[in-house]
């Protein structure tokens, strides 16, 4: 797939993107932030061989990648290739990729040099499973691309993210931008969103509007980046079922001061679980009501 110059420039200037995986039929997608490089017509990413995302990529290669430049975003959808250089099959796949493989990874290291420096600063705090010898390479080959135009999320009043641990919720309370992800025609689809909370649910609305109103299994991601230290990054991927909710635009007015007429349809995510991360610590918290119901059914 060929991208226009504006899209290539956006990918060249962005440092972090959101990578979404299909988690199986009827299940909400999983979304994680990722440092990346765009080269040879593909998105290149590295991750731990022990990461849950690697298991998902091997089970279902359909994925999406979103880069948000504040008022302008680029969504790429396609298939993932996995290169595990500690296996013979991974080495063969890398060889068949030709010079593009080594060139693209060299570009990745150069583009993310500040993150490499951050790794060195925090080396004693990085678990061994995230060291270079335990990393694999993911390559997203885009099949579809879509430019998303929207307004930049304004400053927001603090809101507690439901289900997430208290420390994570506090760290994300003032983050104004979120990302909603659902499955559309078999592929993850993501777009920036304003977000708020109501009890154990999350409310969302799309700045600038979204032509199709999603419903069904979905995820809403909130992430606090750090310029170069991965150990300082905090985020959460809330997963559940998405439904239209006419109360959401009024909640956005209270939190952001925006007029409901400037927003698209309101949505509610009934949160069932939250996969959260603080640095390299990644865990999942399940909504207590569901845990108790499951225990009672045994």
Protein backbone atom coordinates (compact mmCIF):
# COMPACT_ATOMS: atom_id res chain seq x y z
CA UNK A 1 0.00 0.00 0.00
CA UNK A 2 1.38 3.42 -0.98
CA UNK A 3 0.94 6.35 1.42
CA UNK A 4 0.84 9.99 0.42
CA UNK A 5 3.53 12.41 1.50
CA UNK A 6 1.48 13.89 4.37
CA UNK A 7 0.91 10.45 5.86
CA UNK A 8 4.60 9.55 5.55
CA UNK A 9 5.58 12.83 7.22
CA UNK A 10 3.18 12.19 10.08
CA UNK A 11 4.63 8.71 10.62
CA UNK A 12 8.15 10.11 10.46
CA UNK A 13 7.52 12.77 13.10
CA UNK A 14 5.44 10.71 15.58
CA UNK A 15 7.25 8.85 18.35
CA UNK A 16 4.50 6.65 19.75
CA UNK A 17 1.50 4.96 18.16
CA UNK A 18 -1.33 2.73 19.38
CA UNK A 19 -1.24 -0.90 18.23
CA UNK A 20 -4.54 -2.82 18.34
CA UNK A 21 -5.00 -6.59 18.16
CA UNK A 22 -8.07 -8.69 17.56
CA UNK A 23 -8.63 -10.89 20.63
CA UNK A 24 -10.99 -13.36 18.97
CA UNK A 25 -14.63 -13.49 17.92
CA UNK A 26 -16.94 -11.74 20.37
CA UNK A 27 -14.10 -10.43 22.53
CA UNK A 28 -12.93 -6.82 22.91
CA UNK A 29 -9.67 -5.90 21.14
CA UNK A 30 -6.47 -5.20 23.07
CA UNK A 31 -4.58 -1.94 22.52
CA UNK A 32 -1.02 -1.06 23.62
CA UNK A 33 1.26 1.94 22.96
CA UNK A 34 4.36 1.19 20.91
CA UNK A 35 7.49 2.98 19.72
CA UNK A 36 7.86 2.32 16.00
CA UNK A 37 9.54 3.05 12.70
CA UNK A 38 7.90 3.36 9.30
CA UNK A 39 10.11 1.92 6.57
CA UNK A 40 9.78 -0.29 3.49
CA UNK A 41 6.06 0.42 3.43
CA UNK A 42 5.52 -1.15 6.88
CA UNK A 43 5.30 -0.32 10.59
CA UNK A 44 8.15 -1.96 12.56
CA UNK A 45 7.86 -2.59 16.31
CA UNK A 46 9.73 -4.66 18.88
CA UNK A 47 8.24 -6.38 21.90
CA UNK A 48 9.03 -9.06 24.47
CA UNK A 49 8.66 -12.67 23.42
CA UNK A 50 6.63 -13.10 26.63
CA UNK A 51 4.14 -10.30 25.91
CA UNK A 52 0.43 -11.13 25.54
CA UNK A 53 0.33 -9.15 22.31
CA UNK A 54 2.71 -11.64 20.68
CA UNK A 55 0.36 -14.51 21.48
CA UNK A 56 -2.54 -12.55 19.96
CA UNK A 57 -0.54 -11.66 16.85
CA UNK A 58 0.32 -15.31 16.22
CA UNK A 59 -3.28 -16.42 16.73
CA UNK A 60 -4.81 -13.68 14.56
CA UNK A 61 -2.51 -11.40 12.51
CA UNK A 62 -5.20 -8.77 11.84
CA UNK A 63 -4.18 -5.51 13.52
CA UNK A 64 -4.37 -1.72 13.33
CA UNK A 65 -2.00 1.12 14.17
CA UNK A 66 -3.02 4.69 15.00
CA UNK A 67 -0.77 7.75 15.10
CA UNK A 68 -2.26 10.89 16.66
CA UNK A 69 -0.69 14.26 15.85
CA UNK A 70 -3.25 16.38 17.71
CA UNK A 71 -6.08 17.33 15.38
CA UNK A 72 -4.95 14.89 12.73
CA UNK A 73 -4.56 11.12 12.98
CA UNK A 74 -3.64 8.30 10.65
CA UNK A 75 -5.13 4.82 10.99
CA UNK A 76 -3.46 1.88 9.25
CA UNK A 77 -5.05 -1.57 9.14
CA UNK A 78 -3.40 -4.74 7.94
CA UNK A 79 -1.65 -7.97 8.88
CA UNK A 80 1.23 -8.60 11.29
CA UNK A 81 4.36 -10.63 10.59
CA UNK A 82 6.37 -11.98 13.53
CA UNK A 83 10.19 -12.30 13.35
CA UNK A 84 11.70 -14.26 16.23
CA UNK A 85 15.42 -14.34 15.49
CA UNK A 86 16.02 -17.00 18.16
CA UNK A 87 14.16 -19.51 15.99
CA UNK A 88 15.13 -20.95 12.62
CA UNK A 89 11.80 -19.98 11.09
CA UNK A 90 12.27 -16.39 12.28
CA UNK A 91 15.73 -16.22 10.75
CA UNK A 92 14.41 -17.59 7.46
CA UNK A 93 11.59 -15.03 7.41
CA UNK A 94 14.07 -12.24 8.08
CA UNK A 95 16.31 -13.50 5.26
CA UNK A 96 13.40 -13.52 2.82
CA UNK A 97 12.62 -9.91 3.82
CA UNK A 98 16.02 -9.00 2.36
CA UNK A 99 17.96 -5.80 3.14
CA UNK A 100 14.72 -4.06 4.14
CA UNK A 101 14.72 -5.98 7.44
CA UNK A 102 18.14 -4.78 8.65
CA UNK A 103 17.63 -1.30 7.21
CA UNK A 104 14.25 -0.89 8.90
CA UNK A 105 15.55 -2.04 12.30
CA UNK A 106 18.53 0.31 12.00
CA UNK A 107 16.05 3.10 11.36
CA UNK A 108 14.05 1.98 14.37
CA UNK A 109 17.11 2.21 16.64
CA UNK A 110 18.01 5.66 15.26
CA UNK A 111 14.52 7.08 15.53
CA UNK A 112 14.07 5.77 19.08
CA UNK A 113 17.57 6.61 20.31
CA UNK A 114 16.17 8.64 23.22
CA UNK A 115 14.20 5.60 24.40
CA UNK A 116 17.36 3.51 24.15
CA UNK A 117 19.05 6.08 26.38
CA UNK A 118 16.13 5.83 28.81
CA UNK A 119 16.57 2.05 28.89
CA UNK A 120 20.20 2.51 29.89
CA UNK A 121 19.22 4.90 32.69
CA UNK A 122 16.69 2.40 34.05
CA UNK A 123 18.55 -0.80 33.23
CA UNK A 124 18.39 -2.12 36.78
CA UNK A 125 14.59 -1.72 36.81
CA UNK A 126 13.89 -3.42 33.47
CA UNK A 127 12.81 -7.09 33.76
CA UNK A 128 15.05 -9.56 31.86
CA UNK A 129 12.17 -10.57 29.57
CA UNK A 130 12.34 -7.07 28.03
CA UNK A 131 16.09 -7.09 27.39
CA UNK A 132 17.25 -7.15 23.72
CA UNK A 133 17.92 -10.90 23.62
CA UNK A 134 14.29 -11.56 24.57
CA UNK A 135 12.70 -9.29 21.99
CA UNK A 136 10.96 -10.15 18.75
CA UNK A 137 10.10 -7.93 15.80
CA UNK A 138 6.56 -7.21 14.61
CA UNK A 139 5.91 -5.88 11.12
CA UNK A 140 2.52 -4.46 10.21
CA UNK A 141 1.90 -4.51 6.46
CA UNK A 142 -0.86 -1.95 5.89
CA UNK A 143 -3.72 -2.88 3.58
CA UNK A 144 -5.95 0.09 4.33
CA UNK A 145 -5.26 3.63 5.46
CA UNK A 146 -7.53 6.39 6.64
CA UNK A 147 -6.82 9.98 7.68
CA UNK A 148 -8.93 11.12 10.65
CA UNK A 149 -9.50 14.85 11.15
CA UNK A 150 -10.70 15.94 14.57
CA UNK A 151 -10.29 18.68 17.14
CA UNK A 152 -7.54 18.48 19.77
CA UNK A 153 -8.73 17.34 23.19
CA UNK A 154 -8.87 20.37 25.54
CA UNK A 155 -7.70 20.37 29.13
CA UNK A 156 -9.99 18.29 31.29
CA UNK A 157 -11.14 18.03 34.88
CA UNK A 158 -9.83 14.94 36.69
CA UNK A 159 -11.89 11.76 36.40
CA UNK A 160 -11.24 8.39 38.02
CA UNK A 161 -10.85 5.50 35.60
CA UNK A 162 -13.12 2.68 36.88
CA UNK A 163 -11.86 -0.82 37.71
CA UNK A 164 -8.17 0.24 37.40
CA UNK A 165 -5.98 0.24 40.56
CA UNK A 166 -6.08 3.49 42.54
CA UNK A 167 -2.49 4.50 41.70
CA UNK A 168 -3.02 4.01 37.96
CA UNK A 169 -6.36 5.82 38.07
CA UNK A 170 -4.73 8.83 39.80
CA UNK A 171 -1.94 8.97 37.22
CA UNK A 172 -4.46 9.04 34.37
CA UNK A 173 -7.13 11.25 35.95
CA UNK A 174 -6.10 14.41 34.06
CA UNK A 175 -5.23 12.79 30.72
CA UNK A 176 -7.69 14.34 28.30
CA UNK A 177 -7.18 12.16 25.20
CA UNK A 178 -8.47 8.64 24.86
CA UNK A 179 -8.77 6.13 22.01
CA UNK A 180 -11.79 3.96 21.29
CA UNK A 181 -11.21 0.69 19.42
CA UNK A 182 -13.68 -1.83 18.03
CA UNK A 183 -13.78 -4.48 15.31
CA UNK A 184 -15.06 -3.31 11.93
CA UNK A 185 -15.28 -5.80 9.04
CA UNK A 186 -12.87 -8.13 10.79
CA UNK A 187 -10.18 -5.52 11.47
CA UNK A 188 -9.57 -3.36 14.56
CA UNK A 189 -10.66 0.25 14.04
CA UNK A 190 -9.42 3.07 16.30
CA UNK A 191 -10.16 6.75 16.64
CA UNK A 192 -9.34 9.48 19.19
CA UNK A 193 -12.09 10.27 21.67
CA UNK A 194 -12.98 12.41 24.66
CA UNK A 195 -13.75 10.32 27.72
CA UNK A 196 -15.29 10.50 31.16
CA UNK A 197 -16.61 8.04 33.73
CA UNK A 198 -19.94 7.14 35.29
CA UNK A 199 -19.78 4.53 38.03
CA UNK A 200 -18.18 1.40 36.61
CA UNK A 201 -18.67 2.57 33.00
CA UNK A 202 -16.72 4.86 30.72
CA UNK A 203 -18.40 7.49 28.56
CA UNK A 204 -16.95 8.65 25.26
CA UNK A 205 -17.65 11.00 22.36
CA UNK A 206 -15.76 11.69 19.15
CA UNK A 207 -14.50 15.25 18.58
CA UNK A 208 -15.62 16.13 15.08
CA UNK A 209 -18.00 13.17 14.96
CA UNK A 210 -17.72 9.63 13.63
CA UNK A 211 -19.94 8.59 10.73
CA UNK A 212 -20.70 5.11 12.08
CA UNK A 213 -21.82 4.52 15.66
CA UNK A 214 -20.05 1.40 16.95
CA UNK A 215 -21.60 -1.07 19.34
CA UNK A 216 -20.46 -4.42 20.70
CA UNK A 217 -17.07 -5.56 22.10
CA UNK A 218 -14.69 -2.60 22.32
CA UNK A 219 -11.84 -1.00 24.25
CA UNK A 220 -11.01 2.50 25.45
CA UNK A 221 -7.35 3.34 26.03
CA UNK A 222 -5.88 6.15 28.13
CA UNK A 223 -2.10 6.61 28.13
CA UNK A 224 0.36 8.97 29.82
CA UNK A 225 3.55 9.08 27.76
CA UNK A 226 7.07 9.98 28.79
CA UNK A 227 9.46 11.52 26.28
CA UNK A 228 12.17 8.90 26.67
CA UNK A 229 11.75 6.74 29.79
CA UNK A 230 9.55 3.71 29.25
CA UNK A 231 9.53 3.04 33.01
CA UNK A 232 7.60 6.31 33.50
CA UNK A 233 4.79 5.45 31.08
CA UNK A 234 1.39 4.68 32.61
CA UNK A 235 -1.71 3.57 30.78
CA UNK A 236 -4.83 1.44 30.80
CA UNK A 237 -6.91 -0.41 28.23
CA UNK A 238 -10.49 -0.75 29.51
CA UNK A 239 -12.39 -3.52 27.74
CA UNK A 240 -16.07 -4.29 27.63
CA UNK A 241 -19.18 -3.68 25.56
CA UNK A 242 -19.89 -0.39 23.77
CA UNK A 243 -23.41 1.01 23.42
CA UNK A 244 -24.89 4.37 22.40
CA UNK A 245 -25.57 6.65 25.38
CA UNK A 246 -27.21 10.08 24.95
CA UNK A 247 -25.86 11.19 28.36
CA UNK A 248 -22.23 11.13 27.19
CA UNK A 249 -22.13 14.56 25.44
CA UNK A 250 -23.38 16.26 28.63
CA UNK A 251 -20.62 14.49 30.59
CA UNK A 252 -18.06 15.83 28.08
CA UNK A 253 -19.38 19.35 28.63
CA UNK A 254 -18.86 18.99 32.38
CA UNK A 255 -15.37 17.58 32.00
CA UNK A 256 -14.03 19.54 29.03
CA UNK A 257 -16.30 22.55 28.70
CA UNK A 258 -17.18 21.60 25.11
CA UNK A 259 -20.65 21.98 23.63
CA UNK A 260 -22.50 18.74 22.86
CA UNK A 261 -23.29 20.03 19.37
CA UNK A 262 -19.55 19.89 18.58
CA UNK A 263 -19.41 16.17 19.31
CA UNK A 264 -20.52 13.03 17.58
CA UNK A 265 -22.78 10.39 19.07
CA UNK A 266 -22.33 9.60 22.76
CA UNK A 267 -21.17 6.14 23.83
CA UNK A 268 -20.93 4.07 26.99
CA UNK A 269 -18.41 1.29 27.61
CA UNK A 270 -19.55 -1.16 30.27
CA UNK A 271 -16.10 -2.03 31.66
CA UNK A 272 -15.49 -5.69 32.37
CA UNK A 273 -11.72 -5.62 32.81
CA UNK A 274 -8.79 -3.22 32.59
CA UNK A 275 -5.35 -4.20 31.35
CA UNK A 276 -3.01 -1.59 32.83
CA UNK A 277 0.70 -0.89 32.75
CA UNK A 278 3.17 1.13 34.76
CA UNK A 279 6.52 0.95 33.04
CA UNK A 280 7.12 -2.74 32.31
CA UNK A 281 4.62 -3.98 34.88
CA UNK A 282 1.51 -5.18 33.02
CA UNK A 283 -1.51 -6.67 34.80
CA UNK A 284 -5.25 -7.09 34.32
CA UNK A 285 -7.89 -6.13 36.87
CA UNK A 286 -11.33 -7.74 36.49
CA UNK A 287 -14.50 -6.00 37.57
CA UNK A 288 -15.31 -7.33 41.05
CA UNK A 289 -18.99 -8.00 40.37
CA UNK A 290 -18.07 -10.38 37.56
CA UNK A 291 -15.48 -12.18 39.66
CA UNK A 292 -18.03 -12.74 42.43
CA UNK A 293 -20.67 -13.99 39.96
CA UNK A 294 -18.18 -16.42 38.45
CA UNK A 295 -17.24 -17.74 41.91
CA UNK A 296 -20.89 -18.24 42.84
CA UNK A 297 -21.50 -20.26 39.67
CA UNK A 298 -18.80 -22.82 40.50
